[in-house]
Structure formats: C-alpha cells, structure tokens
Protein backbone atom coordinates (compact mmCIF):
# COMPACT_ATOMS: atom_id res chain seq x y z
CA MET A 1 40.23 -31.32 0.76
CA PRO A 2 41.92 -28.97 3.28
CA ALA A 3 40.34 -28.77 6.70
CA GLY A 4 37.53 -26.23 6.82
CA ARG A 5 37.26 -25.94 3.01
CA HIS A 6 34.04 -27.97 2.92
CA TYR A 7 32.27 -25.26 4.95
CA PHE A 8 32.80 -22.66 2.21
CA ILE A 9 30.38 -24.03 -0.38
CA PRO A 10 27.28 -24.16 1.88
CA PHE A 11 28.08 -20.71 3.26
CA ALA A 12 28.58 -19.24 -0.22
CA LEU A 13 25.35 -20.84 -1.39
CA ALA A 14 23.45 -19.52 1.63
CA LEU A 15 24.90 -16.04 1.04
CA ALA A 16 23.93 -16.14 -2.64
CA LEU A 17 20.39 -17.26 -1.78
CA ALA A 18 20.04 -14.55 0.86
CA THR A 19 21.33 -11.90 -1.56
CA GLY A 20 18.97 -13.10 -4.27
CA ALA A 21 16.02 -13.05 -1.87
CA ALA A 22 16.91 -9.52 -0.74
CA ARG A 23 17.10 -8.30 -4.34
CA ALA A 24 13.80 -9.95 -5.18
CA GLU A 25 12.15 -8.30 -2.18
CA GLU A 26 13.66 -4.96 -3.18
CA SER A 27 12.41 -5.26 -6.76
CA ARG A 28 8.96 -6.09 -5.41
CA HIS A 29 8.78 -2.71 -3.67
CA LEU A 30 11.18 -0.39 -5.53
CA ALA A 31 11.35 0.66 -9.17
CA PRO A 32 14.68 -0.02 -10.92
CA GLY A 33 17.29 2.57 -10.01
CA PHE A 34 15.32 4.07 -7.12
CA GLN A 35 16.50 3.65 -3.52
CA GLN A 36 15.45 6.66 -1.43
CA LEU A 37 13.81 10.05 -1.69
CA PRO A 38 16.46 12.58 -2.72
CA ALA A 39 17.50 15.09 -0.07
CA GLN A 40 15.49 18.33 -0.13
CA SER A 41 12.67 16.70 -2.12
CA LYS A 42 9.12 17.81 -1.36
CA LEU A 43 6.44 15.18 -0.73
CA VAL A 44 2.69 15.76 -0.90
CA ILE A 45 0.41 13.35 0.97
CA VAL A 46 -2.78 12.67 -0.96
CA PRO A 47 -5.78 11.84 1.28
CA ALA A 48 -6.59 8.14 1.21
CA GLU A 49 -9.10 6.86 -1.32
CA MET A 50 -11.03 4.77 1.19
CA GLU A 51 -14.35 3.03 1.74
CA LEU A 52 -15.59 0.75 4.54
CA PHE A 53 -18.34 -1.86 4.29
CA SER A 54 -20.55 -3.96 6.52
CA ILE A 55 -21.13 -7.55 5.40
CA SER A 56 -24.75 -8.62 5.74
CA ALA A 57 -25.93 -12.07 6.85
CA GLY A 58 -26.15 -13.06 3.20
CA GLY A 59 -22.59 -11.92 2.45
CA VAL A 60 -23.49 -8.67 0.68
CA GLN A 61 -21.14 -5.73 1.21
CA GLU A 62 -23.02 -2.57 2.22
CA PRO A 63 -21.18 0.80 2.26
CA ARG A 64 -21.04 2.54 5.66
CA ALA A 65 -20.49 6.27 5.32
CA ASP A 66 -20.14 6.75 9.10
CA TRP A 67 -17.41 4.11 9.34
CA THR A 68 -15.62 5.57 6.32
CA GLU A 69 -15.68 9.07 7.80
CA ALA A 70 -14.24 7.84 11.11
CA ALA A 71 -11.60 5.76 9.31
CA GLN A 72 -10.51 8.73 7.19
CA LYS A 73 -10.03 10.79 10.37
CA HIS A 74 -8.05 8.09 12.20
CA PHE A 75 -5.95 7.19 9.16
CA LYS A 76 -5.10 10.83 8.46
CA ALA A 77 -4.12 11.48 12.08
CA ALA A 78 -1.87 8.40 12.16
CA LEU A 79 -0.27 9.30 8.83
CA MET A 80 0.42 12.91 9.78
CA ALA A 81 1.90 11.78 13.11
CA ARG A 82 4.51 9.95 11.03
CA LYS A 83 5.46 12.91 8.81
CA ALA A 84 9.03 12.90 10.11
CA LYS A 85 9.49 9.36 8.78
CA LEU A 86 8.26 10.38 5.34
CA GLY A 87 10.59 13.26 4.65
CA SER A 88 11.93 16.65 5.67
CA ASP A 89 9.47 18.64 3.54
CA VAL A 90 6.03 17.06 3.70
CA VAL A 91 2.74 18.80 2.89
CA GLU A 92 -0.83 17.56 2.84
CA MET A 93 -3.27 17.92 -0.04
CA SER A 94 -6.49 19.59 1.10
CA GLU A 95 -9.88 17.93 0.80
CA ARG A 96 -10.92 20.65 -1.64
CA GLU A 97 -7.98 19.80 -3.87
CA VAL A 98 -8.93 16.13 -3.74
CA ASP A 99 -12.11 16.97 -5.64
CA ASP A 100 -10.03 18.69 -8.31
CA PHE A 101 -7.84 15.60 -8.72
CA ALA A 102 -10.55 12.93 -8.41
CA GLN A 103 -9.65 11.43 -11.79
CA VAL A 104 -6.00 11.08 -10.78
CA LEU A 105 -7.01 9.27 -7.59
CA ALA A 106 -9.21 6.93 -9.60
CA LEU A 107 -6.33 6.29 -12.00
CA HIS A 108 -4.03 5.48 -9.10
CA GLY A 109 -6.56 2.96 -7.77
CA ASN A 110 -6.60 1.18 -11.13
CA VAL A 111 -2.82 1.21 -11.53
CA ALA A 112 -2.25 0.06 -7.94
CA SER A 113 -4.69 -2.81 -8.41
CA SER A 114 -2.78 -3.83 -11.55
CA ILE A 115 0.55 -3.66 -9.71
CA PHE A 116 -0.78 -5.85 -6.95
CA TYR A 117 -2.32 -8.39 -9.29
CA HIS A 118 0.51 -8.68 -11.82
CA HIS A 119 3.55 -7.84 -9.69
CA ALA A 120 3.14 -8.09 -5.91
CA GLY A 121 0.36 -10.69 -5.76
CA ASN A 122 -0.19 -14.12 -7.24
CA GLY A 123 -1.61 -13.04 -10.60
CA PRO A 124 0.08 -13.78 -13.93
CA LYS A 125 3.32 -11.84 -14.36
CA LEU A 126 3.64 -9.56 -17.36
CA PRO A 127 6.62 -10.52 -19.55
CA THR A 128 7.10 -6.89 -20.60
CA LYS A 129 7.83 -5.96 -16.97
CA ASP A 130 10.53 -8.65 -16.47
CA GLY A 131 9.56 -8.97 -12.81
CA LYS A 132 10.31 -5.30 -12.11
CA LEU A 133 8.16 -2.59 -10.57
CA ASP A 134 7.59 -0.71 -13.82
CA TRP A 135 4.30 1.17 -13.77
CA THR A 136 3.41 4.82 -14.32
CA LEU A 137 0.53 7.26 -13.94
CA GLY A 138 1.96 9.28 -16.82
CA GLU A 139 1.20 12.93 -17.48
CA ALA A 140 -1.96 12.74 -15.34
CA VAL A 141 0.03 13.70 -12.21
CA LYS A 142 1.55 16.87 -13.70
CA PRO A 143 -1.30 19.13 -12.42
CA ILE A 144 -0.56 17.94 -8.87
CA ARG A 145 3.08 18.99 -9.28
CA ASP A 146 2.03 22.33 -10.75
CA ARG A 147 -0.45 22.98 -7.93
CA THR A 148 1.66 21.83 -4.95
CA GLY A 149 5.24 22.27 -6.13
CA ALA A 150 5.97 18.78 -4.81
CA ASP A 151 8.46 16.37 -6.33
CA TYR A 152 6.72 13.20 -5.13
CA ALA A 153 3.24 12.18 -4.01
CA LEU A 154 2.15 9.44 -1.62
CA PHE A 155 -1.13 7.83 -2.69
CA THR A 156 -3.08 5.33 -0.58
CA TRP A 157 -6.10 3.20 -1.53
CA ILE A 158 -8.01 1.14 1.06
CA ARG A 159 -11.09 -1.05 1.20
CA ASP A 160 -12.08 -2.57 4.54
CA SER A 161 -15.06 -4.73 5.44
CA TYR A 162 -16.46 -6.06 8.71
CA ALA A 163 -18.97 -8.80 9.43
CA SER A 164 -22.24 -7.58 10.91
CA GLY A 165 -23.68 -9.31 13.99
CA GLU A 166 -25.99 -11.30 11.74
CA ARG A 167 -23.07 -12.26 9.51
CA LYS A 168 -21.03 -13.43 12.50
CA ALA A 169 -23.93 -15.63 13.58
CA ALA A 170 -24.16 -17.03 10.05
CA ILE A 171 -20.41 -17.74 10.06
CA VAL A 172 -20.72 -19.68 13.33
CA ALA A 173 -23.60 -21.68 11.89
CA MET A 174 -21.64 -22.45 8.72
CA ALA A 175 -18.60 -23.45 10.79
CA LEU A 176 -20.73 -26.00 12.65
CA LEU A 177 -21.62 -27.48 9.28
CA GLY A 178 -17.95 -27.68 8.31
CA SER A 179 -17.79 -24.55 6.13
CA ILE A 180 -15.05 -21.97 6.74
CA ASN A 181 -15.72 -18.27 6.19
CA LEU A 182 -13.50 -15.56 7.67
CA GLY A 183 -15.82 -12.58 7.25
CA GLY A 184 -14.28 -9.17 6.53
CA GLU A 185 -11.04 -8.31 4.76
CA GLN A 186 -8.66 -5.34 4.71
CA VAL A 187 -7.03 -4.48 1.37
CA GLY A 188 -4.71 -1.53 0.93
CA TYR A 189 -2.14 -0.10 -1.47
CA ALA A 190 0.45 2.64 -0.96
CA SER A 191 2.34 4.17 -3.90
CA LEU A 192 5.12 6.73 -3.98
CA VAL A 193 4.93 8.52 -7.33
CA ASP A 194 7.53 10.72 -9.00
CA LEU A 195 5.53 13.77 -10.09
CA LYS A 196 8.04 14.68 -12.79
CA THR A 197 7.55 11.41 -14.67
CA GLY A 198 4.44 9.79 -13.19
CA ARG A 199 6.52 6.72 -12.37
CA VAL A 200 5.58 4.58 -9.35
CA VAL A 201 8.94 4.31 -7.55
CA TRP A 202 7.79 2.46 -4.41
CA PHE A 203 4.78 0.26 -3.74
CA ASN A 204 3.44 -1.69 -0.77
CA ASP A 205 0.23 -3.61 -0.19
CA LEU A 206 -1.97 -5.18 2.48
CA GLN A 207 -4.38 -8.05 2.01
CA ARG A 208 -5.45 -9.61 5.29
CA PHE A 209 -8.33 -10.63 7.53
CA ILE A 210 -7.26 -8.45 10.48
CA GLY A 211 -7.13 -4.71 11.15
CA ASP A 212 -9.78 -2.14 12.06
CA LEU A 213 -9.78 1.43 10.83
CA ARG A 214 -12.85 2.42 12.82
CA GLU A 215 -10.77 3.02 15.96
CA ALA A 216 -7.68 5.22 16.37
CA LYS A 217 -5.20 2.71 17.80
CA PRO A 218 -5.82 -0.11 15.29
CA ALA A 219 -5.70 2.50 12.50
CA GLU A 220 -2.16 3.37 13.59
CA GLU A 221 -1.17 -0.29 13.12
CA THR A 222 -2.65 -0.27 9.60
CA VAL A 223 -0.68 2.86 8.69
CA ASP A 224 2.54 1.36 10.06
CA SER A 225 1.97 -1.86 8.09
CA LEU A 226 1.18 0.01 4.88
CA LEU A 227 4.26 2.24 5.23
CA LYS A 228 6.64 -0.59 6.13
CA GLY A 229 9.84 -0.18 4.14
CA PHE A 230 9.01 3.36 2.99
CA PRO A 231 12.15 4.79 1.33
CA GLY A 232 12.76 7.88 3.45
CA VAL A 233 14.95 10.81 2.51
CA ALA A 234 18.62 9.99 1.92
CA LYS A 235 20.87 11.29 4.70
C-alpha cells in the first residue's frame, strides 16, 4: 500500500459519520426541504402558552398564577429583545388576539408534545414519518394568517415547576435514605409554522432540571436555549 494511503479510510469514515450525524441533527429540527425563512417573509410571534407550578412536600404540582404572570413578562421581554435574530419583519400577536386563537394554541401544544415524544424524544418512532420532521397544524392556522398577514408563526409551549421549601426538605430527607429526587423540571417546545400550509418547519425542545423563568436573567437563558438553531432569514 502506498505511503499515506492507509490514512484515507479512517478519515473518509470519520467524514461520513460526521456528515451523517449532521444530517440526522438537521432532520431532527427541520422539515424536509426547509432550511431558512425566505427573505421578506413576515413572522408573527405568538405569546407563550405557559404555566408554572410549585411542588408540595408530597410531590403534588400546584399552579402558581403569580409565578406564571412574572414568567410571561420575562419570557416576552427576552423574546422581543431577540427580534433581530428572528427575522427582518417580525410582529407580535396581542393578548386579545390570543383569546381568539385559544384553540389553535391548544392544538399546537398537542402537536408539539407528539413531535417531542415520537420524533425528538425517546418515544417510539412512527414508521409513516420515516424519521423526518413531518407534522402539521393544518387549516387551523389559516385565521392567524388572515388576521396578521404573516407568512410564518413562532409558537412556544412551556411548563416549569419548582420545589417548595417543604419539598426541598423532603428531598433532603429522602436522599439520606438513599432515594434520589431532583424536584422541579422545565419542559418547553418551540415550533416555527408555515401559515400557508400549517406545516411545522422547525422544532426545538427543552427537558431539563435547571432554569428559572421567575427572574429576568435566567429567563433570557431559557429563551436562548429554546431558540438555539432557529433558521433565520436567508441573506
């Protein structure tokens, strides 16, 4: 074998593996055929469908309206501060309009949960999807396009929970007995939806035991994590 030839096979294999991994990661987040928002496209930001909970000593999740209100404010501020990264023509859906489209937001929550479970997460893969991001909200999004004139919509869905003081004490006690319990959890989904077709063209998720939306600075980190890899407008 000529000198140096034996280095080619490992390099080619490594390159093929890296290329395959990159394509798999891309298919995890992007629908087939979609790469970036088209130039001059209009994007509407839909307020986050969000709820925060306190975990009692017994492990019961109790809704906290005050935490949710603060989180909505911090999340919105962080998201709007990043408008330039989302596109050249970005508008925000008003809270009044959210009430009009409550059913669409609920539909997105269900579809996003399905995407996470069957595509991005560890749930059983659907053979009809062939490993691709291939989900849609259908005709349900048409009224949003008619109302806003937008081409795409960014939906976000978040549930966040935090251990109460009593729960933290219970966790310490359980740890002393050899039981492991991590307390609260932050789960979030972000979906970019083509309003002409209802197709989800980009998707990202969070599922972790860190993060805090109750304060402004940590909320910025959550927004950045949820928007990681967002397919901005083509140059």
